[in-house]
Amino acid sequence: MASGLLMLLDDIATILDDIAILTKVAAKKTAGVLGDDLALNAQQVTGVDARRELPVVWAVAKGSLLNKAILVPCALGLSALLPWSITPLLIIGGLYLCFEGCEKLAHRYLHRHEAEQHKKALG
């Protein structure tokens, strides 16, 4: 009977270990989303006076909260009322992101000389 209890505790420990590993993996994957949520990086703050950095970050945070206050209820309502529409909307969003990526690559390779001239003009 004691061996059965020890085996049960061993199984529970194994499951908890698996949960800890999966939690770590999920945290790593969502860290990018949380960092991206601010939509603010070092390039956008470069050249801003130190006294202005916090107001800029605060303005971005307020805008992000406003977007969440609008988008989260809309997404919940959409999934409750029209659950079949989620997949087509995600596909449309993915296609739009593919279009934006292709456009960025095309601009980089088709307008390379303009970018070089712009860099030379800046010094």
N, C-alpha and C. Protein backbone atom coordinates (compact mmCIF):
# COMPACT_ATOMS: atom_id res chain seq x y z
N MET A 1 0.81 -1.19 0.00
CA MET A 1 0.00 0.00 0.00
C MET A 1 0.86 1.26 0.00
N ALA A 2 1.95 1.22 0.73
CA ALA A 2 2.84 2.38 0.76
C ALA A 2 3.48 2.60 -0.61
N SER A 3 3.77 1.50 -1.31
CA SER A 3 4.37 1.65 -2.64
C SER A 3 3.38 2.28 -3.61
N GLY A 4 2.09 1.97 -3.46
CA GLY A 4 1.07 2.58 -4.30
C GLY A 4 0.97 4.08 -4.06
N LEU A 5 1.10 4.49 -2.80
CA LEU A 5 1.07 5.92 -2.47
C LEU A 5 2.29 6.63 -3.03
N LEU A 6 3.46 5.97 -2.93
CA LEU A 6 4.68 6.56 -3.47
C LEU A 6 4.61 6.68 -5.00
N MET A 7 4.02 5.68 -5.64
CA MET A 7 3.88 5.75 -7.09
C MET A 7 2.93 6.89 -7.49
N LEU A 8 1.88 7.07 -6.71
CA LEU A 8 0.95 8.16 -6.98
C LEU A 8 1.64 9.51 -6.81
N LEU A 9 2.42 9.66 -5.74
CA LEU A 9 3.16 10.90 -5.52
C LEU A 9 4.19 11.14 -6.63
N ASP A 10 4.82 10.05 -7.10
CA ASP A 10 5.77 10.17 -8.20
C ASP A 10 5.08 10.63 -9.47
N ASP A 11 3.90 10.10 -9.75
CA ASP A 11 3.13 10.53 -10.93
C ASP A 11 2.74 12.00 -10.82
N ILE A 12 2.33 12.41 -9.63
CA ILE A 12 1.96 13.82 -9.42
C ILE A 12 3.17 14.72 -9.62
N ALA A 13 4.32 14.31 -9.10
CA ALA A 13 5.54 15.10 -9.27
C ALA A 13 5.93 15.21 -10.75
N THR A 14 5.76 14.11 -11.48
CA THR A 14 6.07 14.13 -12.92
C THR A 14 5.13 15.08 -13.66
N ILE A 15 3.86 15.04 -13.33
CA ILE A 15 2.90 15.94 -13.98
C ILE A 15 3.21 17.40 -13.65
N LEU A 16 3.54 17.67 -12.38
CA LEU A 16 3.88 19.05 -12.00
C LEU A 16 5.14 19.53 -12.71
N ASP A 17 6.10 18.62 -12.91
CA ASP A 17 7.31 18.98 -13.63
C ASP A 17 6.98 19.32 -15.08
N ASP A 18 6.12 18.52 -15.70
CA ASP A 18 5.69 18.80 -17.08
C ASP A 18 4.98 20.15 -17.16
N ILE A 19 4.14 20.43 -16.19
CA ILE A 19 3.42 21.71 -16.18
C ILE A 19 4.40 22.87 -16.04
N ALA A 20 5.42 22.70 -15.20
CA ALA A 20 6.41 23.77 -15.02
C ALA A 20 7.17 24.02 -16.32
N ILE A 21 7.52 22.97 -17.01
CA ILE A 21 8.25 23.12 -18.28
C ILE A 21 7.36 23.80 -19.32
N LEU A 22 6.11 23.37 -19.42
CA LEU A 22 5.20 23.98 -20.40
C LEU A 22 4.91 25.44 -20.06
N THR A 23 4.83 25.75 -18.77
CA THR A 23 4.62 27.14 -18.37
C THR A 23 5.81 28.00 -18.77
N LYS A 24 7.02 27.46 -18.61
CA LYS A 24 8.21 28.20 -19.00
C LYS A 24 8.23 28.46 -20.50
N VAL A 25 7.87 27.44 -21.28
CA VAL A 25 7.83 27.59 -22.73
C VAL A 25 6.77 28.62 -23.13
N ALA A 26 5.59 28.54 -22.50
CA ALA A 26 4.52 29.49 -22.82
C ALA A 26 4.92 30.91 -22.44
N ALA A 27 5.61 31.06 -21.31
CA ALA A 27 6.04 32.40 -20.89
C ALA A 27 7.04 32.98 -21.88
N LYS A 28 7.94 32.14 -22.39
CA LYS A 28 8.91 32.62 -23.38
C LYS A 28 8.20 33.07 -24.66
N LYS A 29 7.18 32.31 -25.07
CA LYS A 29 6.47 32.64 -26.30
C LYS A 29 5.62 33.89 -26.15
N THR A 30 5.04 34.10 -24.98
CA THR A 30 4.19 35.28 -24.80
C THR A 30 4.98 36.51 -24.43
N ALA A 31 6.24 36.37 -24.06
CA ALA A 31 7.03 37.54 -23.71
C ALA A 31 7.15 38.48 -24.91
N GLY A 32 7.26 37.91 -26.10
CA GLY A 32 7.32 38.75 -27.30
C GLY A 32 6.03 39.51 -27.53
N VAL A 33 4.91 38.88 -27.25
CA VAL A 33 3.62 39.54 -27.42
C VAL A 33 3.48 40.68 -26.42
N LEU A 34 3.87 40.43 -25.19
CA LEU A 34 3.76 41.46 -24.17
C LEU A 34 4.70 42.63 -24.47
N GLY A 35 5.89 42.32 -24.97
CA GLY A 35 6.81 43.39 -25.32
C GLY A 35 6.33 44.15 -26.54
N ASP A 36 5.70 43.45 -27.46
CA ASP A 36 5.19 44.07 -28.67
C ASP A 36 3.96 44.93 -28.38
N ASP A 37 3.32 44.67 -27.25
CA ASP A 37 2.09 45.38 -26.91
C ASP A 37 2.33 46.88 -26.77
N LEU A 38 3.48 47.26 -26.30
CA LEU A 38 3.77 48.69 -26.17
C LEU A 38 3.99 49.35 -27.52
N ALA A 39 4.44 48.57 -28.48
CA ALA A 39 4.72 49.10 -29.82
C ALA A 39 5.68 50.28 -29.75
N LEU A 40 6.61 50.18 -28.85
CA LEU A 40 7.57 51.25 -28.67
C LEU A 40 8.94 50.61 -28.56
N ASN A 41 9.86 51.04 -29.38
CA ASN A 41 11.19 50.48 -29.27
C ASN A 41 12.21 51.60 -29.19
N ALA A 42 13.46 51.23 -29.10
CA ALA A 42 14.50 52.22 -28.89
C ALA A 42 14.60 53.21 -30.05
N GLN A 43 14.29 52.78 -31.25
CA GLN A 43 14.40 53.70 -32.39
C GLN A 43 13.36 54.81 -32.31
N GLN A 44 12.19 54.52 -31.74
CA GLN A 44 11.16 55.53 -31.66
C GLN A 44 11.45 56.55 -30.57
N VAL A 45 12.23 56.18 -29.57
CA VAL A 45 12.53 57.09 -28.47
C VAL A 45 13.86 57.79 -28.70
N THR A 46 14.65 57.35 -29.66
CA THR A 46 15.93 57.97 -29.91
C THR A 46 15.75 59.44 -30.28
N GLY A 47 16.53 60.27 -29.65
CA GLY A 47 16.45 61.69 -29.92
C GLY A 47 15.43 62.43 -29.08
N VAL A 48 14.68 61.71 -28.26
CA VAL A 48 13.69 62.34 -27.39
C VAL A 48 14.38 62.72 -26.09
N ASP A 49 14.11 63.92 -25.62
CA ASP A 49 14.68 64.39 -24.37
C ASP A 49 14.25 63.46 -23.24
N ALA A 50 15.13 63.26 -22.26
CA ALA A 50 14.85 62.33 -21.17
C ALA A 50 13.58 62.71 -20.41
N ARG A 51 13.29 64.00 -20.34
CA ARG A 51 12.07 64.44 -19.65
C ARG A 51 10.81 64.04 -20.42
N ARG A 52 10.95 63.78 -21.71
CA ARG A 52 9.79 63.45 -22.54
C ARG A 52 9.57 61.95 -22.70
N GLU A 53 10.53 61.13 -22.28
CA GLU A 53 10.40 59.70 -22.50
C GLU A 53 9.19 59.11 -21.77
N LEU A 54 9.04 59.43 -20.50
CA LEU A 54 7.91 58.88 -19.74
C LEU A 54 6.56 59.34 -20.29
N PRO A 55 6.39 60.62 -20.66
CA PRO A 55 5.11 60.99 -21.27
C PRO A 55 4.84 60.25 -22.59
N VAL A 56 5.88 59.98 -23.35
CA VAL A 56 5.69 59.24 -24.61
C VAL A 56 5.24 57.82 -24.30
N VAL A 57 5.91 57.17 -23.36
CA VAL A 57 5.53 55.81 -22.98
C VAL A 57 4.13 55.80 -22.40
N TRP A 58 3.79 56.80 -21.59
CA TRP A 58 2.45 56.88 -20.99
C TRP A 58 1.39 57.05 -22.07
N ALA A 59 1.66 57.87 -23.07
CA ALA A 59 0.70 58.07 -24.16
C ALA A 59 0.48 56.77 -24.94
N VAL A 60 1.55 56.03 -25.18
CA VAL A 60 1.42 54.76 -25.88
C VAL A 60 0.64 53.76 -25.03
N ALA A 61 0.89 53.73 -23.73
CA ALA A 61 0.17 52.81 -22.84
C ALA A 61 -1.32 53.15 -22.80
N LYS A 62 -1.65 54.45 -22.75
CA LYS A 62 -3.07 54.84 -22.75
C LYS A 62 -3.75 54.41 -24.05
N GLY A 63 -3.06 54.61 -25.16
CA GLY A 63 -3.62 54.18 -26.45
C GLY A 63 -3.82 52.68 -26.51
N SER A 64 -2.87 51.94 -25.96
CA SER A 64 -2.98 50.48 -25.94
C SER A 64 -4.16 50.04 -25.08
N LEU A 65 -4.34 50.67 -23.93
CA LEU A 65 -5.48 50.32 -23.07
C LEU A 65 -6.81 50.66 -23.74
N LEU A 66 -6.85 51.79 -24.44
CA LEU A 66 -8.08 52.16 -25.15
C LEU A 66 -8.39 51.13 -26.24
N ASN A 67 -7.35 50.72 -26.97
CA ASN A 67 -7.56 49.70 -28.00
C ASN A 67 -8.08 48.40 -27.39
N LYS A 68 -7.52 48.01 -26.25
CA LYS A 68 -7.98 46.79 -25.60
C LYS A 68 -9.41 46.94 -25.10
N ALA A 69 -9.77 48.12 -24.61
CA ALA A 69 -11.13 48.34 -24.12
C ALA A 69 -12.15 48.23 -25.26
N ILE A 70 -11.72 48.51 -26.47
CA ILE A 70 -12.61 48.42 -27.62
C ILE A 70 -12.56 47.02 -28.24
N LEU A 71 -11.34 46.51 -28.46
CA LEU A 71 -11.19 45.27 -29.22
C LEU A 71 -11.59 44.02 -28.44
N VAL A 72 -11.29 43.97 -27.15
CA VAL A 72 -11.61 42.75 -26.39
C VAL A 72 -13.12 42.50 -26.33
N PRO A 73 -13.95 43.50 -25.99
CA PRO A 73 -15.40 43.23 -26.01
C PRO A 73 -15.92 42.88 -27.41
N CYS A 74 -15.36 43.52 -28.43
CA CYS A 74 -15.78 43.19 -29.80
C CYS A 74 -15.42 41.74 -30.14
N ALA A 75 -14.22 41.32 -29.76
CA ALA A 75 -13.80 39.94 -30.05
C ALA A 75 -14.66 38.94 -29.28
N LEU A 76 -14.95 39.24 -28.02
CA LEU A 76 -15.80 38.34 -27.23
C LEU A 76 -17.22 38.27 -27.80
N GLY A 77 -17.75 39.42 -28.19
CA GLY A 77 -19.09 39.44 -28.79
C GLY A 77 -19.12 38.70 -30.10
N LEU A 78 -18.09 38.88 -30.90
CA LEU A 78 -18.02 38.20 -32.19
C LEU A 78 -17.95 36.69 -32.00
N SER A 79 -17.12 36.24 -31.04
CA SER A 79 -17.02 34.79 -30.83
C SER A 79 -18.30 34.22 -30.23
N ALA A 80 -19.08 35.04 -29.52
CA ALA A 80 -20.33 34.55 -28.94
C ALA A 80 -21.46 34.53 -29.98
N LEU A 81 -21.51 35.57 -30.81
CA LEU A 81 -22.62 35.70 -31.76
C LEU A 81 -22.36 35.03 -33.11
N LEU A 82 -21.14 35.17 -33.60
CA LEU A 82 -20.79 34.62 -34.92
C LEU A 82 -19.49 33.81 -34.83
N PRO A 83 -19.50 32.68 -34.16
CA PRO A 83 -18.24 31.94 -33.97
C PRO A 83 -17.63 31.45 -35.29
N TRP A 84 -18.44 31.25 -36.31
CA TRP A 84 -17.92 30.78 -37.59
C TRP A 84 -17.08 31.85 -38.30
N SER A 85 -17.23 33.11 -37.91
CA SER A 85 -16.52 34.19 -38.60
C SER A 85 -15.09 34.37 -38.12
N ILE A 86 -14.70 33.71 -37.04
CA ILE A 86 -13.36 33.89 -36.50
C ILE A 86 -12.30 33.39 -37.48
N THR A 87 -12.49 32.19 -38.01
CA THR A 87 -11.49 31.62 -38.92
C THR A 87 -11.30 32.46 -40.18
N PRO A 88 -12.36 32.89 -40.88
CA PRO A 88 -12.13 33.74 -42.05
C PRO A 88 -11.44 35.07 -41.70
N LEU A 89 -11.78 35.65 -40.56
CA LEU A 89 -11.13 36.90 -40.16
C LEU A 89 -9.64 36.69 -39.89
N LEU A 90 -9.30 35.57 -39.25
CA LEU A 90 -7.88 35.27 -39.01
C LEU A 90 -7.14 35.03 -40.33
N ILE A 91 -7.80 34.38 -41.27
CA ILE A 91 -7.18 34.15 -42.58
C ILE A 91 -6.96 35.47 -43.30
N ILE A 92 -7.94 36.35 -43.26
CA ILE A 92 -7.80 37.67 -43.89
C ILE A 92 -6.66 38.45 -43.25
N GLY A 93 -6.58 38.39 -41.93
CA GLY A 93 -5.49 39.07 -41.23
C GLY A 93 -4.13 38.51 -41.60
N GLY A 94 -4.04 37.18 -41.71
CA GLY A 94 -2.79 36.56 -42.11
C GLY A 94 -2.40 36.92 -43.53
N LEU A 95 -3.38 36.96 -44.43
CA LEU A 95 -3.09 37.36 -45.81
C LEU A 95 -2.62 38.81 -45.87
N TYR A 96 -3.21 39.66 -45.05
CA TYR A 96 -2.77 41.06 -45.02
C TYR A 96 -1.33 41.17 -44.53
N LEU A 97 -0.98 40.39 -43.50
CA LEU A 97 0.40 40.41 -43.00
C LEU A 97 1.37 39.90 -44.06
N CYS A 98 0.96 38.87 -44.83
CA CYS A 98 1.80 38.38 -45.93
C CYS A 98 1.99 39.46 -46.98
N PHE A 99 0.91 40.16 -47.31
CA PHE A 99 0.99 41.25 -48.28
C PHE A 99 1.96 42.33 -47.80
N GLU A 100 1.85 42.72 -46.53
CA GLU A 100 2.73 43.76 -45.99
C GLU A 100 4.19 43.31 -46.03
N GLY A 101 4.44 42.03 -45.70
CA GLY A 101 5.81 41.52 -45.74
C GLY A 101 6.37 41.52 -47.15
N CYS A 102 5.57 41.08 -48.12
CA CYS A 102 6.02 41.08 -49.52
C CYS A 102 6.26 42.49 -50.02
N GLU A 103 5.39 43.41 -49.62
CA GLU A 103 5.56 44.80 -50.03
C GLU A 103 6.85 45.38 -49.46
N LYS A 104 7.15 45.05 -48.22
CA LYS A 104 8.38 45.56 -47.59
C LYS A 104 9.61 44.99 -48.29
N LEU A 105 9.58 43.69 -48.61
CA LEU A 105 10.71 43.09 -49.32
C LEU A 105 10.86 43.69 -50.71
N ALA A 106 9.75 43.86 -51.41
CA ALA A 106 9.81 44.44 -52.75
C ALA A 106 10.36 45.86 -52.69
N HIS A 107 9.94 46.62 -51.71
CA HIS A 107 10.43 48.00 -51.58
C HIS A 107 11.93 48.01 -51.29
N ARG A 108 12.37 47.08 -50.47
CA ARG A 108 13.80 47.04 -50.14
C ARG A 108 14.64 46.73 -51.37
N TYR A 109 14.20 45.77 -52.19
CA TYR A 109 15.02 45.36 -53.33
C TYR A 109 14.79 46.20 -54.57
N LEU A 110 13.61 46.76 -54.75
CA LEU A 110 13.34 47.56 -55.95
C LEU A 110 13.76 49.01 -55.80
N HIS A 111 13.86 49.49 -54.58
CA HIS A 111 14.22 50.88 -54.34
C HIS A 111 15.53 51.00 -53.58
N ARG A 112 16.44 50.07 -53.86
CA ARG A 112 17.72 50.05 -53.15
C ARG A 112 18.54 51.30 -53.44
N HIS A 113 18.55 51.75 -54.70
CA HIS A 113 19.35 52.91 -55.07
C HIS A 113 18.84 54.18 -54.40
N GLU A 114 17.54 54.29 -54.26
CA GLU A 114 16.97 55.46 -53.58
C GLU A 114 17.38 55.49 -52.12
N ALA A 115 17.42 54.33 -51.48
CA ALA A 115 17.83 54.26 -50.08
C ALA A 115 19.30 54.64 -49.93
N GLU A 116 20.14 54.19 -50.87
CA GLU A 116 21.56 54.55 -50.80
C GLU A 116 21.75 56.04 -51.01
N GLN A 117 21.01 56.64 -51.94
CA GLN A 117 21.11 58.08 -52.15
C GLN A 117 20.63 58.85 -50.93
N HIS A 118 19.61 58.36 -50.29
CA HIS A 118 19.09 59.01 -49.08
C HIS A 118 20.12 58.96 -47.96
N LYS A 119 20.80 57.82 -47.82
CA LYS A 119 21.84 57.71 -46.79
C LYS A 119 23.00 58.65 -47.08
N LYS A 120 23.38 58.77 -48.36
CA LYS A 120 24.46 59.69 -48.73
C LYS A 120 24.06 61.13 -48.47
N ALA A 121 22.81 61.46 -48.73
CA ALA A 121 22.34 62.83 -48.51
C ALA A 121 22.33 63.18 -47.03
N LEU A 122 22.05 62.19 -46.19
CA LEU A 122 22.03 62.45 -44.75
C LEU A 122 23.43 62.58 -44.17
N GLY A 123 24.40 62.08 -44.86
CA GLY A 123 25.77 62.28 -44.40
C GLY A 123 26.39 61.04 -44.02
